[in-house]
């Protein structure tokens, strides 16, 4: 299951997400989304967990809990919509 984590402090790293969610089970991947040009966090990320039951427990227990000083928003990620690529100037 792919989990969306929002309202992340800009200092949170992918390793921090991995560590926070590992308490609930196996993590396939943990990624903080960064700006392509600046490399700065966009304030959200994703955690993939192969076991859906563990993922649901992580969502339930981590939603609205503090991580690096901010209460994070945690829910099941919705599939990414296909959208046309924006032209780069």
C-alpha atoms as a PDB file:
ATOM      1  CA  UNK A   1       0.000   0.000   0.000  1.00  0.00           C
ATOM      2  CA  UNK A   2       1.247   3.467  -0.841  1.00  0.00           C
ATOM      3  CA  UNK A   3       0.838   5.991   1.999  1.00  0.00           C
ATOM      4  CA  UNK A   4       0.795   9.775   1.590  1.00  0.00           C
ATOM      5  CA  UNK A   5       2.390  11.869   4.346  1.00  0.00           C
ATOM      6  CA  UNK A   6       1.696  15.604   4.279  1.00  0.00           C
ATOM      7  CA  UNK A   7       2.539  18.654   6.378  1.00  0.00           C
ATOM      8  CA  UNK A   8       6.142  17.486   6.791  1.00  0.00           C
ATOM      9  CA  UNK A   9       8.705  19.814   8.310  1.00  0.00           C
ATOM     10  CA  UNK A  10      11.185  20.802   5.601  1.00  0.00           C
ATOM     11  CA  UNK A  11      14.024  19.209   7.592  1.00  0.00           C
ATOM     12  CA  UNK A  12      12.455  15.708   7.461  1.00  0.00           C
ATOM     13  CA  UNK A  13      14.403  13.293   5.244  1.00  0.00           C
ATOM     14  CA  UNK A  14      13.459  10.034   3.551  1.00  0.00           C
ATOM     15  CA  UNK A  15      15.465   8.236   6.263  1.00  0.00           C
ATOM     16  CA  UNK A  16      13.369   9.981   8.940  1.00  0.00           C
ATOM     17  CA  UNK A  17      10.170   8.698   7.280  1.00  0.00           C
ATOM     18  CA  UNK A  18      11.640   5.202   7.029  1.00  0.00           C
ATOM     19  CA  UNK A  19      12.518   5.256  10.727  1.00  0.00           C
ATOM     20  CA  UNK A  20       9.136   6.636  11.852  1.00  0.00           C
ATOM     21  CA  UNK A  21       7.076   4.089   9.912  1.00  0.00           C
ATOM     22  CA  UNK A  22       9.333   1.046  10.430  1.00  0.00           C
ATOM     23  CA  UNK A  23       7.756   0.561  13.863  1.00  0.00           C
ATOM     24  CA  UNK A  24       4.612  -0.661  12.059  1.00  0.00           C
ATOM     25  CA  UNK A  25       6.225  -3.173   9.708  1.00  0.00           C
ATOM     26  CA  UNK A  26       8.294  -3.638   6.583  1.00  0.00           C
ATOM     27  CA  UNK A  27       8.930  -0.570   4.436  1.00  0.00           C
ATOM     28  CA  UNK A  28       9.536  -1.047   0.698  1.00  0.00           C
ATOM     29  CA  UNK A  29      10.371   2.589   0.085  1.00  0.00           C
ATOM     30  CA  UNK A  30      10.194   5.946   1.867  1.00  0.00           C
ATOM     31  CA  UNK A  31      10.570   9.139  -0.135  1.00  0.00           C
ATOM     32  CA  UNK A  32      10.330  12.835   0.642  1.00  0.00           C
ATOM     33  CA  UNK A  33       9.380  14.747  -2.506  1.00  0.00           C
ATOM     34  CA  UNK A  34      11.804  17.534  -3.363  1.00  0.00           C
ATOM     35  CA  UNK A  35      11.798  20.444  -5.778  1.00  0.00           C
ATOM     36  CA  UNK A  36      13.663  19.479  -8.929  1.00  0.00           C
ATOM     37  CA  UNK A  37      15.576  22.744  -9.179  1.00  0.00           C
ATOM     38  CA  UNK A  38      16.320  23.651  -5.553  1.00  0.00           C
ATOM     39  CA  UNK A  39      16.417  20.184  -3.995  1.00  0.00           C
ATOM     40  CA  UNK A  40      14.326  21.543  -1.098  1.00  0.00           C
ATOM     41  CA  UNK A  41      11.535  19.421   0.382  1.00  0.00           C
ATOM     42  CA  UNK A  42       8.030  20.163  -0.877  1.00  0.00           C
ATOM     43  CA  UNK A  43       6.617  19.225   2.531  1.00  0.00           C
ATOM     44  CA  UNK A  44       5.167  15.837   1.622  1.00  0.00           C
ATOM     45  CA  UNK A  45       6.274  12.312   0.900  1.00  0.00           C
ATOM     46  CA  UNK A  46       5.280   8.698   0.443  1.00  0.00           C
ATOM     47  CA  UNK A  47       5.908   5.422   2.254  1.00  0.00           C
ATOM     48  CA  UNK A  48       5.256   2.090   0.570  1.00  0.00           C
ATOM     49  CA  UNK A  49       4.434  -0.894   2.762  1.00  0.00           C
ATOM     50  CA  UNK A  50       3.888  -4.377   1.252  1.00  0.00           C
ATOM     51  CA  UNK A  51       1.542  -5.505   4.050  1.00  0.00           C
ATOM     52  CA  UNK A  52      -1.829  -3.684   3.839  1.00  0.00           C
ATOM     53  CA  UNK A  53      -2.776  -4.456   7.458  1.00  0.00           C
ATOM     54  CA  UNK A  54       0.477  -2.946   8.736  1.00  0.00           C
ATOM     55  CA  UNK A  55      -0.024   0.040   6.440  1.00  0.00           C
ATOM     56  CA  UNK A  56      -3.564   0.657   7.741  1.00  0.00           C
ATOM     57  CA  UNK A  57      -2.287   0.516  11.320  1.00  0.00           C
ATOM     58  CA  UNK A  58       0.481   2.992  10.464  1.00  0.00           C
ATOM     59  CA  UNK A  59      -2.056   5.369   8.865  1.00  0.00           C
ATOM     60  CA  UNK A  60      -4.383   5.117  11.850  1.00  0.00           C
ATOM     61  CA  UNK A  61      -1.676   5.660  14.470  1.00  0.00           C
ATOM     62  CA  UNK A  62       0.540   8.211  12.692  1.00  0.00           C
ATOM     63  CA  UNK A  63      -2.162  10.566  11.368  1.00  0.00           C
ATOM     64  CA  UNK A  64      -2.112  13.906  13.202  1.00  0.00           C
ATOM     65  CA  UNK A  65       0.939  12.900  15.272  1.00  0.00           C
ATOM     66  CA  UNK A  66       4.034  15.100  15.611  1.00  0.00           C
ATOM     67  CA  UNK A  67       7.114  14.403  13.510  1.00  0.00           C
ATOM     68  CA  UNK A  68       9.983  16.889  13.819  1.00  0.00           C
ATOM     69  CA  UNK A  69       7.701  19.436  15.443  1.00  0.00           C
ATOM     70  CA  UNK A  70       4.739  19.317  13.030  1.00  0.00           C
ATOM     71  CA  UNK A  71       1.583  17.206  13.131  1.00  0.00           C
ATOM     72  CA  UNK A  72       1.645  15.160   9.954  1.00  0.00           C
ATOM     73  CA  UNK A  73      -1.318  14.156   7.790  1.00  0.00           C
ATOM     74  CA  UNK A  74      -1.272  10.473   6.855  1.00  0.00           C
ATOM     75  CA  UNK A  75      -3.651   8.643   4.515  1.00  0.00           C
ATOM     76  CA  UNK A  76      -3.734   6.137   1.692  1.00  0.00           C
ATOM     77  CA  UNK A  77      -2.244   7.681  -1.436  1.00  0.00           C
ATOM     78  CA  UNK A  78      -4.587   8.116  -4.365  1.00  0.00           C
ATOM     79  CA  UNK A  79      -3.348   6.970  -7.763  1.00  0.00           C
ATOM     80  CA  UNK A  80      -1.531   9.722  -9.605  1.00  0.00           C
ATOM     81  CA  UNK A  81      -3.646  11.237 -12.350  1.00  0.00           C
ATOM     82  CA  UNK A  82      -2.125  11.397 -15.784  1.00  0.00           C
ATOM     83  CA  UNK A  83      -1.783  15.010 -16.713  1.00  0.00           C
ATOM     84  CA  UNK A  84       0.052  16.688 -19.537  1.00  0.00           C
ATOM     85  CA  UNK A  85       3.587  17.771 -18.761  1.00  0.00           C
ATOM     86  CA  UNK A  86       4.009  21.475 -18.302  1.00  0.00           C
ATOM     87  CA  UNK A  87       6.435  23.127 -20.676  1.00  0.00           C
ATOM     88  CA  UNK A  88       9.731  24.115 -19.075  1.00  0.00           C
ATOM     89  CA  UNK A  89      10.946  27.599 -19.916  1.00  0.00           C
END
